[in-house]
Amino acid sequence: MSDNKSLIITYIFSLIGGIFGLHHLYLGRTQHALLWFTTFGGFGIGFIYEFFYLIKKYVDEANNDRLIVNEYKLKMIQRKSPAFEILRLCGKKIKINDYDSIIRIEVLYFE
């Protein structure tokens, strides 16, 4: 059996459990799957965008892993630091607040 991932199966997994990152687990993108699970598919917006624009790219990456890794290494060498994105910063702040709220509730519950 081939290790190549199917685009059709990826779309099926995305429809069934996309907001929970099921398609990312199928493609071997476990960190991305965890992110999708904790944010419900990027608050739904990321899931929709990904469904229409990025899934084919993700399948290609999974099927050509060695080529993609070399391409990203070359990009990392050319660009010394990651680009700053305000949207990413805001998303991190929202998740920090979520986890902070959960911890505060747990601390109050066990006091």
PDB file of N, CA and C in Angstrom:
ATOM      1  N   MET A   1       0.842  -1.185   0.000  1.00  0.00           N
ATOM      2  CA  MET A   1       0.000   0.000   0.000  1.00  0.00           C
ATOM      3  C   MET A   1       0.888   1.249   0.000  1.00  0.00           C
ATOM      4  N   SER A   2       0.477   2.220  -0.732  1.00  0.00           N
ATOM      5  CA  SER A   2       1.250   3.449  -0.875  1.00  0.00           C
ATOM      6  C   SER A   2       1.039   4.359   0.336  1.00  0.00           C
ATOM      7  N   ASP A   3       2.077   5.153   0.632  1.00  0.00           N
ATOM      8  CA  ASP A   3       1.979   6.114   1.729  1.00  0.00           C
ATOM      9  C   ASP A   3       1.335   7.425   1.289  1.00  0.00           C
ATOM     10  N   ASN A   4       1.022   7.546   0.006  1.00  0.00           N
ATOM     11  CA  ASN A   4       0.422   8.786  -0.491  1.00  0.00           C
ATOM     12  C   ASN A   4      -0.956   8.994   0.113  1.00  0.00           C
ATOM     13  N   LYS A   5      -1.218  10.228   0.477  1.00  0.00           N
ATOM     14  CA  LYS A   5      -2.500  10.592   1.062  1.00  0.00           C
ATOM     15  C   LYS A   5      -3.465  10.998  -0.045  1.00  0.00           C
ATOM     16  N   SER A   6      -4.727  10.665   0.118  1.00  0.00           N
ATOM     17  CA  SER A   6      -5.750  10.945  -0.883  1.00  0.00           C
ATOM     18  C   SER A   6      -6.416  12.290  -0.610  1.00  0.00           C
ATOM     19  N   LEU A   7      -6.569  13.061  -1.665  1.00  0.00           N
ATOM     20  CA  LEU A   7      -7.247  14.351  -1.545  1.00  0.00           C
ATOM     21  C   LEU A   7      -8.720  14.162  -1.194  1.00  0.00           C
ATOM     22  N   ILE A   8      -9.352  13.155  -1.778  1.00  0.00           N
ATOM     23  CA  ILE A   8     -10.781  12.907  -1.521  1.00  0.00           C
ATOM     24  C   ILE A   8     -10.996  12.502  -0.067  1.00  0.00           C
ATOM     25  N   ILE A   9     -10.163  11.607   0.442  1.00  0.00           N
ATOM     26  CA  ILE A   9     -10.297  11.181   1.841  1.00  0.00           C
ATOM     27  C   ILE A   9     -10.036  12.357   2.776  1.00  0.00           C
ATOM     28  N   THR A  10      -9.086  13.203   2.416  1.00  0.00           N
ATOM     29  CA  THR A  10      -8.800  14.380   3.240  1.00  0.00           C
ATOM     30  C   THR A  10     -10.017  15.297   3.306  1.00  0.00           C
ATOM     31  N   TYR A  11     -10.671  15.514   2.165  1.00  0.00           N
ATOM     32  CA  TYR A  11     -11.887  16.336   2.163  1.00  0.00           C
ATOM     33  C   TYR A  11     -13.008  15.683   2.976  1.00  0.00           C
ATOM     34  N   ILE A  12     -13.124  14.371   2.903  1.00  0.00           N
ATOM     35  CA  ILE A  12     -14.147  13.666   3.694  1.00  0.00           C
ATOM     36  C   ILE A  12     -13.874  13.849   5.190  1.00  0.00           C
ATOM     37  N   PHE A  13     -12.616  13.655   5.595  1.00  0.00           N
ATOM     38  CA  PHE A  13     -12.263  13.864   7.006  1.00  0.00           C
ATOM     39  C   PHE A  13     -12.496  15.316   7.417  1.00  0.00           C
ATOM     40  N   SER A  14     -12.237  16.230   6.503  1.00  0.00           N
ATOM     41  CA  SER A  14     -12.453  17.640   6.806  1.00  0.00           C
ATOM     42  C   SER A  14     -13.937  17.931   7.031  1.00  0.00           C
ATOM     43  N   LEU A  15     -14.782  17.329   6.218  1.00  0.00           N
ATOM     44  CA  LEU A  15     -16.229  17.533   6.386  1.00  0.00           C
ATOM     45  C   LEU A  15     -16.752  16.888   7.670  1.00  0.00           C
ATOM     46  N   ILE A  16     -16.221  15.706   7.995  1.00  0.00           N
ATOM     47  CA  ILE A  16     -16.685  14.980   9.183  1.00  0.00           C
ATOM     48  C   ILE A  16     -16.199  15.636  10.474  1.00  0.00           C
ATOM     49  N   GLY A  17     -14.913  15.925  10.544  1.00  0.00           N
ATOM     50  CA  GLY A  17     -14.361  16.446  11.791  1.00  0.00           C
ATOM     51  C   GLY A  17     -13.349  17.545  11.574  1.00  0.00           C
ATOM     52  N   GLY A  18     -13.596  18.395  10.599  1.00  0.00           N
ATOM     53  CA  GLY A  18     -12.636  19.441  10.259  1.00  0.00           C
ATOM     54  C   GLY A  18     -12.378  20.441  11.358  1.00  0.00           C
ATOM     55  N   ILE A  19     -13.419  20.827  12.089  1.00  0.00           N
ATOM     56  CA  ILE A  19     -13.194  21.821  13.145  1.00  0.00           C
ATOM     57  C   ILE A  19     -12.421  21.231  14.319  1.00  0.00           C
ATOM     58  N   PHE A  20     -12.300  19.907  14.352  1.00  0.00           N
ATOM     59  CA  PHE A  20     -11.508  19.257  15.389  1.00  0.00           C
ATOM     60  C   PHE A  20     -10.148  18.791  14.881  1.00  0.00           C
ATOM     61  N   GLY A  21      -9.842  19.050  13.607  1.00  0.00           N
ATOM     62  CA  GLY A  21      -8.528  18.724  13.070  1.00  0.00           C
ATOM     63  C   GLY A  21      -8.355  17.292  12.609  1.00  0.00           C
ATOM     64  N   LEU A  22      -9.437  16.589  12.332  1.00  0.00           N
ATOM     65  CA  LEU A  22      -9.344  15.190  11.915  1.00  0.00           C
ATOM     66  C   LEU A  22      -8.521  15.035  10.633  1.00  0.00           C
ATOM     67  N   HIS A  23      -8.694  15.936   9.693  1.00  0.00           N
ATOM     68  CA  HIS A  23      -7.943  15.849   8.437  1.00  0.00           C
ATOM     69  C   HIS A  23      -6.449  16.103   8.661  1.00  0.00           C
ATOM     70  N   HIS A  24      -6.111  16.911   9.646  1.00  0.00           N
ATOM     71  CA  HIS A  24      -4.702  17.135   9.959  1.00  0.00           C
ATOM     72  C   HIS A  24      -4.070  15.877  10.566  1.00  0.00           C
ATOM     73  N   LEU A  25      -4.823  15.158  11.380  1.00  0.00           N
ATOM     74  CA  LEU A  25      -4.312  13.892  11.913  1.00  0.00           C
ATOM     75  C   LEU A  25      -4.064  12.899  10.790  1.00  0.00           C
ATOM     76  N   TYR A  26      -4.975  12.834   9.836  1.00  0.00           N
ATOM     77  CA  TYR A  26      -4.814  11.935   8.694  1.00  0.00           C
ATOM     78  C   TYR A  26      -3.552  12.269   7.905  1.00  0.00           C
ATOM     79  N   LEU A  27      -3.249  13.569   7.767  1.00  0.00           N
ATOM     80  CA  LEU A  27      -2.084  13.992   6.992  1.00  0.00           C
ATOM     81  C   LEU A  27      -0.788  13.976   7.807  1.00  0.00           C
ATOM     82  N   GLY A  28      -0.873  13.640   9.100  1.00  0.00           N
ATOM     83  CA  GLY A  28       0.327  13.578   9.932  1.00  0.00           C
ATOM     84  C   GLY A  28       0.745  14.923  10.490  1.00  0.00           C
ATOM     85  N   ARG A  29      -0.162  15.869  10.510  1.00  0.00           N
ATOM     86  CA  ARG A  29       0.122  17.222  11.006  1.00  0.00           C
ATOM     87  C   ARG A  29      -0.445  17.331  12.432  1.00  0.00           C
ATOM     88  N   THR A  30       0.198  16.661  13.368  1.00  0.00           N
ATOM     89  CA  THR A  30      -0.373  16.541  14.709  1.00  0.00           C
ATOM     90  C   THR A  30      -0.426  17.872  15.460  1.00  0.00           C
ATOM     91  N   GLN A  31       0.571  18.715  15.295  1.00  0.00           N
ATOM     92  CA  GLN A  31       0.543  20.001  15.991  1.00  0.00           C
ATOM     93  C   GLN A  31      -0.583  20.884  15.459  1.00  0.00           C
ATOM     94  N   HIS A  32      -0.769  20.858  14.164  1.00  0.00           N
ATOM     95  CA  HIS A  32      -1.854  21.625  13.565  1.00  0.00           C
ATOM     96  C   HIS A  32      -3.207  21.068  14.012  1.00  0.00           C
ATOM     97  N   ALA A  33      -3.297  19.739  14.139  1.00  0.00           N
ATOM     98  CA  ALA A  33      -4.532  19.111  14.610  1.00  0.00           C
ATOM     99  C   ALA A  33      -4.848  19.545  16.043  1.00  0.00           C
ATOM    100  N   LEU A  34      -3.836  19.608  16.894  1.00  0.00           N
ATOM    101  CA  LEU A  34      -4.046  20.056  18.269  1.00  0.00           C
ATOM    102  C   LEU A  34      -4.524  21.506  18.302  1.00  0.00           C
ATOM    103  N   LEU A  35      -3.930  22.338  17.481  1.00  0.00           N
ATOM    104  CA  LEU A  35      -4.363  23.731  17.393  1.00  0.00           C
ATOM    105  C   LEU A  35      -5.812  23.813  16.941  1.00  0.00           C
ATOM    106  N   TRP A  36      -6.164  23.042  15.940  1.00  0.00           N
ATOM    107  CA  TRP A  36      -7.543  23.059  15.435  1.00  0.00           C
ATOM    108  C   TRP A  36      -8.508  22.526  16.489  1.00  0.00           C
ATOM    109  N   PHE A  37      -8.090  21.516  17.245  1.00  0.00           N
ATOM    110  CA  PHE A  37      -8.950  20.949  18.288  1.00  0.00           C
ATOM    111  C   PHE A  37      -9.216  21.961  19.397  1.00  0.00           C
ATOM    112  N   THR A  38      -8.198  22.722  19.782  1.00  0.00           N
ATOM    113  CA  THR A  38      -8.365  23.669  20.890  1.00  0.00           C
ATOM    114  C   THR A  38      -9.037  24.975  20.484  1.00  0.00           C
ATOM    115  N   THR A  39      -9.052  25.275  19.171  1.00  0.00           N
ATOM    116  CA  THR A  39      -9.681  26.529  18.729  1.00  0.00           C
ATOM    117  C   THR A  39     -10.908  26.287  17.862  1.00  0.00           C
ATOM    118  N   PHE A  40     -11.365  25.027  17.801  1.00  0.00           N
ATOM    119  CA  PHE A  40     -12.508  24.661  16.958  1.00  0.00           C
ATOM    120  C   PHE A  40     -12.319  25.142  15.529  1.00  0.00           C
ATOM    121  N   GLY A  41     -11.230  24.721  14.947  1.00  0.00           N
ATOM    122  CA  GLY A  41     -10.969  25.038  13.547  1.00  0.00           C
ATOM    123  C   GLY A  41     -10.644  26.491  13.314  1.00  0.00           C
ATOM    124  N   GLY A  42      -9.852  27.072  14.181  1.00  0.00           N
ATOM    125  CA  GLY A  42      -9.517  28.485  14.018  1.00  0.00           C
ATOM    126  C   GLY A  42     -10.755  29.350  14.144  1.00  0.00           C
ATOM    127  N   PHE A  43     -11.595  29.009  15.131  1.00  0.00           N
ATOM    128  CA  PHE A  43     -12.849  29.718  15.405  1.00  0.00           C
ATOM    129  C   PHE A  43     -13.807  29.644  14.218  1.00  0.00           C
ATOM    130  N   GLY A  44     -13.699  28.584  13.424  1.00  0.00           N
ATOM    131  CA  GLY A  44     -14.586  28.378  12.287  1.00  0.00           C
ATOM    132  C   GLY A  44     -14.116  29.075  11.026  1.00  0.00           C
ATOM    133  N   ILE A  45     -13.507  30.220  11.173  1.00  0.00           N
ATOM    134  CA  ILE A  45     -13.046  30.986  10.021  1.00  0.00           C
ATOM    135  C   ILE A  45     -11.877  30.267   9.364  1.00  0.00           C
ATOM    136  N   GLY A  46     -10.949  29.794  10.159  1.00  0.00           N
ATOM    137  CA  GLY A  46      -9.796  29.078   9.627  1.00  0.00           C
ATOM    138  C   GLY A  46     -10.203  27.805   8.912  1.00  0.00           C
ATOM    139  N   PHE A  47     -11.201  27.118   9.452  1.00  0.00           N
ATOM    140  CA  PHE A  47     -11.676  25.886   8.828  1.00  0.00           C
ATOM    141  C   PHE A  47     -12.236  26.166   7.434  1.00  0.00           C
ATOM    142  N   ILE A  48     -13.051  27.193   7.315  1.00  0.00           N
ATOM    143  CA  ILE A  48     -13.657  27.522   6.018  1.00  0.00           C
ATOM    144  C   ILE A  48     -12.583  27.911   5.008  1.00  0.00           C
ATOM    145  N   TYR A  49     -11.667  28.767   5.422  1.00  0.00           N
ATOM    146  CA  TYR A  49     -10.593  29.192   4.525  1.00  0.00           C
ATOM    147  C   TYR A  49      -9.745  28.000   4.095  1.00  0.00           C
ATOM    148  N   GLU A  50      -9.410  27.166   5.046  1.00  0.00           N
ATOM    149  CA  GLU A  50      -8.582  26.003   4.772  1.00  0.00           C
ATOM    150  C   GLU A  50      -9.283  25.032   3.835  1.00  0.00           C
ATOM    151  N   PHE A  51     -10.574  24.831   4.042  1.00  0.00           N
ATOM    152  CA  PHE A  51     -11.337  23.879   3.234  1.00  0.00           C
ATOM    153  C   PHE A  51     -11.292  24.261   1.752  1.00  0.00           C
ATOM    154  N   PHE A  52     -11.418  25.545   1.462  1.00  0.00           N
ATOM    155  CA  PHE A  52     -11.482  25.979   0.072  1.00  0.00           C
ATOM    156  C   PHE A  52     -10.118  26.268  -0.557  1.00  0.00           C
ATOM    157  N   TYR A  53      -9.115  26.624   0.242  1.00  0.00           N
ATOM    158  CA  TYR A  53      -7.858  27.093  -0.333  1.00  0.00           C
ATOM    159  C   TYR A  53      -6.614  26.284   0.025  1.00  0.00           C
ATOM    160  N   LEU A  54      -6.568  25.607   1.154  1.00  0.00           N
ATOM    161  CA  LEU A  54      -5.301  25.043   1.620  1.00  0.00           C
ATOM    162  C   LEU A  54      -5.210  23.524   1.641  1.00  0.00           C
ATOM    163  N   ILE A  55      -6.314  22.813   1.594  1.00  0.00           N
ATOM    164  CA  ILE A  55      -6.251  21.359   1.763  1.00  0.00           C
ATOM    165  C   ILE A  55      -5.420  20.702   0.664  1.00  0.00           C
ATOM    166  N   LYS A  56      -5.574  21.129  -0.578  1.00  0.00           N
ATOM    167  CA  LYS A  56      -4.784  20.546  -1.661  1.00  0.00           C
ATOM    168  C   LYS A  56      -3.287  20.741  -1.399  1.00  0.00           C
ATOM    169  N   LYS A  57      -2.919  21.918  -0.909  1.00  0.00           N
ATOM    170  CA  LYS A  57      -1.513  22.187  -0.589  1.00  0.00           C
ATOM    171  C   LYS A  57      -1.031  21.255   0.528  1.00  0.00           C
ATOM    172  N   TYR A  58      -1.862  21.052   1.552  1.00  0.00           N
ATOM    173  CA  TYR A  58      -1.479  20.174   2.652  1.00  0.00           C
ATOM    174  C   TYR A  58      -1.282  18.729   2.184  1.00  0.00           C
ATOM    175  N   VAL A  59      -2.147  18.263   1.284  1.00  0.00           N
ATOM    176  CA  VAL A  59      -2.006  16.903   0.755  1.00  0.00           C
ATOM    177  C   VAL A  59      -0.716  16.795  -0.068  1.00  0.00           C
ATOM    178  N   ASP A  60      -0.459  17.810  -0.878  1.00  0.00           N
ATOM    179  CA  ASP A  60       0.797  17.817  -1.645  1.00  0.00           C
ATOM    180  C   ASP A  60       2.004  17.791  -0.718  1.00  0.00           C
ATOM    181  N   GLU A  61       1.943  18.541   0.368  1.00  0.00           N
ATOM    182  CA  GLU A  61       3.044  18.544   1.335  1.00  0.00           C
ATOM    183  C   GLU A  61       3.221  17.166   1.968  1.00  0.00           C
ATOM    184  N   ALA A  62       2.117  16.526   2.307  1.00  0.00           N
ATOM    185  CA  ALA A  62       2.195  15.201   2.931  1.00  0.00           C
ATOM    186  C   ALA A  62       2.757  14.168   1.959  1.00  0.00           C
ATOM    187  N   ASN A  63       2.425  14.307   0.686  1.00  0.00           N
ATOM    188  CA  ASN A  63       2.893  13.337  -0.312  1.00  0.00           C
ATOM    189  C   ASN A  63       4.321  13.608  -0.781  1.00  0.00           C
ATOM    190  N   ASN A  64       4.781  14.828  -0.669  1.00  0.00           N
ATOM    191  CA  ASN A  64       6.135  15.186  -1.091  1.00  0.00           C
ATOM    192  C   ASN A  64       6.917  15.750   0.089  1.00  0.00           C
ATOM    193  N   ASP A  65       6.870  15.059   1.186  1.00  0.00           N
ATOM    194  CA  ASP A  65       7.399  15.578   2.447  1.00  0.00           C
ATOM    195  C   ASP A  65       8.861  16.011   2.332  1.00  0.00           C
ATOM    196  N   ARG A  66       9.704  15.201   1.739  1.00  0.00           N
ATOM    197  CA  ARG A  66      11.126  15.526   1.662  1.00  0.00           C
ATOM    198  C   ARG A  66      11.358  16.789   0.825  1.00  0.00           C
ATOM    199  N   LEU A  67      10.645  16.915  -0.280  1.00  0.00           N
ATOM    200  CA  LEU A  67      10.783  18.102  -1.127  1.00  0.00           C
ATOM    201  C   LEU A  67      10.313  19.359  -0.405  1.00  0.00           C
ATOM    202  N   ILE A  68       9.209  19.243   0.310  1.00  0.00           N
ATOM    203  CA  ILE A  68       8.655  20.393   1.032  1.00  0.00           C
ATOM    204  C   ILE A  68       9.586  20.814   2.155  1.00  0.00           C
ATOM    205  N   VAL A  69      10.131  19.856   2.881  1.00  0.00           N
ATOM    206  CA  VAL A  69      11.049  20.179   3.971  1.00  0.00           C
ATOM    207  C   VAL A  69      12.261  20.932   3.438  1.00  0.00           C
ATOM    208  N   ASN A  70      12.809  20.473   2.334  1.00  0.00           N
ATOM    209  CA  ASN A  70      13.954  21.172   1.743  1.00  0.00           C
ATOM    210  C   ASN A  70      13.578  22.578   1.285  1.00  0.00           C
ATOM    211  N   GLU A  71      12.380  22.728   0.737  1.00  0.00           N
ATOM    212  CA  GLU A  71      11.908  24.053   0.311  1.00  0.00           C
ATOM    213  C   GLU A  71      11.788  24.991   1.508  1.00  0.00           C
ATOM    214  N   TYR A  72      11.231  24.508   2.616  1.00  0.00           N
ATOM    215  CA  TYR A  72      11.081  25.347   3.806  1.00  0.00           C
ATOM    216  C   TYR A  72      12.436  25.664   4.442  1.00  0.00           C
ATOM    217  N   LYS A  73      13.367  24.720   4.395  1.00  0.00           N
ATOM    218  CA  LYS A  73      14.710  24.996   4.921  1.00  0.00           C
ATOM    219  C   LYS A  73      15.356  26.134   4.150  1.00  0.00           C
ATOM    220  N   LEU A  74      15.198  26.113   2.835  1.00  0.00           N
ATOM    221  CA  LEU A  74      15.750  27.178   2.004  1.00  0.00           C
ATOM    222  C   LEU A  74      15.096  28.522   2.345  1.00  0.00           C
ATOM    223  N   LYS A  75      13.783  28.515   2.552  1.00  0.00           N
ATOM    224  CA  LYS A  75      13.084  29.752   2.933  1.00  0.00           C
ATOM    225  C   LYS A  75      13.563  30.259   4.291  1.00  0.00           C
ATOM    226  N   MET A  76      13.808  29.339   5.229  1.00  0.00           N
ATOM    227  CA  MET A  76      14.264  29.737   6.557  1.00  0.00           C
ATOM    228  C   MET A  76      15.666  30.335   6.502  1.00  0.00           C
ATOM    229  N   ILE A  77      16.503  29.811   5.642  1.00  0.00           N
ATOM    230  CA  ILE A  77      17.851  30.354   5.495  1.00  0.00           C
ATOM    231  C   ILE A  77      17.793  31.763   4.914  1.00  0.00           C
ATOM    232  N   GLN A  78      16.907  31.966   3.947  1.00  0.00           N
ATOM    233  CA  GLN A  78      16.776  33.272   3.306  1.00  0.00           C
ATOM    234  C   GLN A  78      16.156  34.309   4.240  1.00  0.00           C
ATOM    235  N   ARG A  79      15.236  33.882   5.076  1.00  0.00           N
ATOM    236  CA  ARG A  79      14.553  34.797   5.995  1.00  0.00           C
ATOM    237  C   ARG A  79      14.984  34.449   7.404  1.00  0.00           C
ATOM    238  N   LYS A  80      15.696  35.349   8.045  1.00  0.00           N
ATOM    239  CA  LYS A  80      16.303  35.049   9.346  1.00  0.00           C
ATOM    240  C   LYS A  80      15.284  34.978  10.485  1.00  0.00           C
ATOM    241  N   SER A  81      14.234  35.779  10.442  1.00  0.00           N
ATOM    242  CA  SER A  81      13.249  35.773  11.521  1.00  0.00           C
ATOM    243  C   SER A  81      11.853  35.650  10.929  1.00  0.00           C
ATOM    244  N   PRO A  82      10.923  35.082  11.696  1.00  0.00           N
ATOM    245  CA  PRO A  82       9.560  34.948  11.178  1.00  0.00           C
ATOM    246  C   PRO A  82       8.885  36.309  11.045  1.00  0.00           C
ATOM    247  N   ALA A  83       7.975  36.397  10.105  1.00  0.00           N
ATOM    248  CA  ALA A  83       7.243  37.638   9.896  1.00  0.00           C
ATOM    249  C   ALA A  83       6.296  37.888  11.067  1.00  0.00           C
ATOM    250  N   PHE A  84       6.151  39.150  11.432  1.00  0.00           N
ATOM    251  CA  PHE A  84       5.213  39.517  12.488  1.00  0.00           C
ATOM    252  C   PHE A  84       3.829  39.637  11.873  1.00  0.00           C
ATOM    253  N   GLU A  85       2.857  39.007  12.506  1.00  0.00           N
ATOM    254  CA  GLU A  85       1.491  39.090  12.028  1.00  0.00           C
ATOM    255  C   GLU A  85       0.597  39.468  13.196  1.00  0.00           C
ATOM    256  N   ILE A  86      -0.128  40.555  13.034  1.00  0.00           N
ATOM    257  CA  ILE A  86      -1.007  41.031  14.107  1.00  0.00           C
ATOM    258  C   ILE A  86      -2.113  40.027  14.396  1.00  0.00           C
ATOM    259  N   LEU A  87      -2.607  39.350  13.366  1.00  0.00           N
ATOM    260  CA  LEU A  87      -3.664  38.360  13.562  1.00  0.00           C
ATOM    261  C   LEU A  87      -3.173  37.204  14.433  1.00  0.00           C
ATOM    262  N   ARG A  88      -1.949  36.752  14.200  1.00  0.00           N
ATOM    263  CA  ARG A  88      -1.377  35.677  15.015  1.00  0.00           C
ATOM    264  C   ARG A  88      -1.212  36.133  16.466  1.00  0.00           C
ATOM    265  N   LEU A  89      -0.768  37.369  16.660  1.00  0.00           N
ATOM    266  CA  LEU A  89      -0.604  37.913  18.003  1.00  0.00           C
ATOM    267  C   LEU A  89      -1.949  37.964  18.734  1.00  0.00           C
ATOM    268  N   CYS A  90      -2.983  38.419  18.051  1.00  0.00           N
ATOM    269  CA  CYS A  90      -4.318  38.491  18.665  1.00  0.00           C
ATOM    270  C   CYS A  90      -4.843  37.093  19.003  1.00  0.00           C
ATOM    271  N   GLY A  91      -4.611  36.137  18.123  1.00  0.00           N
ATOM    272  CA  GLY A  91      -5.052  34.766  18.390  1.00  0.00           C
ATOM    273  C   GLY A  91      -4.366  34.186  19.613  1.00  0.00           C
ATOM    274  N   LYS A  92      -3.079  34.447  19.753  1.00  0.00           N
ATOM    275  CA  LYS A  92      -2.355  33.971  20.938  1.00  0.00           C
ATOM    276  C   LYS A  92      -2.895  34.604  22.206  1.00  0.00           C
ATOM    277  N   LYS A  93      -3.192  35.889  22.146  1.00  0.00           N
ATOM    278  CA  LYS A  93      -3.727  36.594  23.315  1.00  0.00           C
ATOM    279  C   LYS A  93      -5.086  36.018  23.715  1.00  0.00           C
ATOM    280  N   ILE A  94      -5.922  35.711  22.734  1.00  0.00           N
ATOM    281  CA  ILE A  94      -7.240  35.131  23.025  1.00  0.00           C
ATOM    282  C   ILE A  94      -7.074  33.768  23.695  1.00  0.00           C
ATOM    283  N   LYS A  95      -6.176  32.921  23.174  1.00  0.00           N
ATOM    284  CA  LYS A  95      -5.974  31.598  23.769  1.00  0.00           C
ATOM    285  C   LYS A  95      -5.401  31.699  25.178  1.00  0.00           C
ATOM    286  N   ILE A  96      -4.493  32.644  25.397  1.00  0.00           N
ATOM    287  CA  ILE A  96      -3.945  32.841  26.743  1.00  0.00           C
ATOM    288  C   ILE A  96      -5.057  33.214  27.709  1.00  0.00           C
ATOM    289  N   ASN A  97      -5.948  34.096  27.281  1.00  0.00           N
ATOM    290  CA  ASN A  97      -7.076  34.485  28.136  1.00  0.00           C
ATOM    291  C   ASN A  97      -7.992  33.306  28.411  1.00  0.00           C
ATOM    292  N   ASP A  98      -8.214  32.442  27.408  1.00  0.00           N
ATOM    293  CA  ASP A  98      -9.042  31.256  27.605  1.00  0.00           C
ATOM    294  C   ASP A  98      -8.440  30.337  28.662  1.00  0.00           C
ATOM    295  N   TYR A  99      -7.160  30.039  28.509  1.00  0.00           N
ATOM    296  CA  TYR A  99      -6.499  29.154  29.466  1.00  0.00           C
ATOM    297  C   TYR A  99      -6.446  29.789  30.862  1.00  0.00           C
ATOM    298  N   ASP A 100      -6.243  31.092  30.922  1.00  0.00           N
ATOM    299  CA  ASP A 100      -6.228  31.786  32.202  1.00  0.00           C
ATOM    300  C   ASP A 100      -7.584  31.655  32.891  1.00  0.00           C
ATOM    301  N   SER A 101      -8.666  31.811  32.142  1.00  0.00           N
ATOM    302  CA  SER A 101     -10.008  31.680  32.710  1.00  0.00           C
ATOM    303  C   SER A 101     -10.252  30.276  33.233  1.00  0.00           C
ATOM    304  N   ILE A 102      -9.826  29.291  32.474  1.00  0.00           N
ATOM    305  CA  ILE A 102     -10.012  27.901  32.899  1.00  0.00           C
ATOM    306  C   ILE A 102      -9.254  27.635  34.192  1.00  0.00           C
ATOM    307  N   ILE A 103      -8.038  28.107  34.275  1.00  0.00           N
ATOM    308  CA  ILE A 103      -7.230  27.899  35.481  1.00  0.00           C
ATOM    309  C   ILE A 103      -7.862  28.604  36.671  1.00  0.00           C
ATOM    310  N   ARG A 104      -8.333  29.823  36.475  1.00  0.00           N
ATOM    311  CA  ARG A 104      -8.973  30.545  37.579  1.00  0.00           C
ATOM    312  C   ARG A 104     -10.224  29.832  38.070  1.00  0.00           C
ATOM    313  N   ILE A 105     -11.027  29.305  37.164  1.00  0.00           N
ATOM    314  CA  ILE A 105     -12.238  28.573  37.556  1.00  0.00           C
ATOM    315  C   ILE A 105     -11.864  27.336  38.349  1.00  0.00           C
ATOM    316  N   GLU A 106     -10.843  26.602  37.889  1.00  0.00           N
ATOM    317  CA  GLU A 106     -10.408  25.391  38.594  1.00  0.00           C
ATOM    318  C   GLU A 106      -9.873  25.718  39.987  1.00  0.00           C
ATOM    319  N   VAL A 107      -9.119  26.809  40.107  1.00  0.00           N
ATOM    320  CA  VAL A 107      -8.565  27.185  41.402  1.00  0.00           C
ATOM    321  C   VAL A 107      -9.707  27.549  42.347  1.00  0.00           C
ATOM    322  N   LEU A 108     -10.690  28.309  41.880  1.00  0.00           N
ATOM    323  CA  LEU A 108     -11.807  28.672  42.734  1.00  0.00           C
ATOM    324  C   LEU A 108     -12.639  27.455  43.127  1.00  0.00           C
ATOM    325  N   TYR A 109     -12.776  26.508  42.215  1.00  0.00           N
ATOM    326  CA  TYR A 109     -13.562  25.306  42.473  1.00  0.00           C
ATOM    327  C   TYR A 109     -12.915  24.449  43.571  1.00  0.00           C
ATOM    328  N   PHE A 110     -11.597  24.363  43.581  1.00  0.00           N
ATOM    329  CA  PHE A 110     -10.924  23.484  44.536  1.00  0.00           C
ATOM    330  C   PHE A 110     -10.532  24.185  45.838  1.00  0.00           C
ATOM    331  N   GLU A 111     -10.864  25.444  45.994  1.00  0.00           N
ATOM    332  CA  GLU A 111     -10.525  26.135  47.250  1.00  0.00           C
ATOM    333  C   GLU A 111     -11.483  25.783  48.354  1.00  0.00           C
TER     334      GLU A 111
END
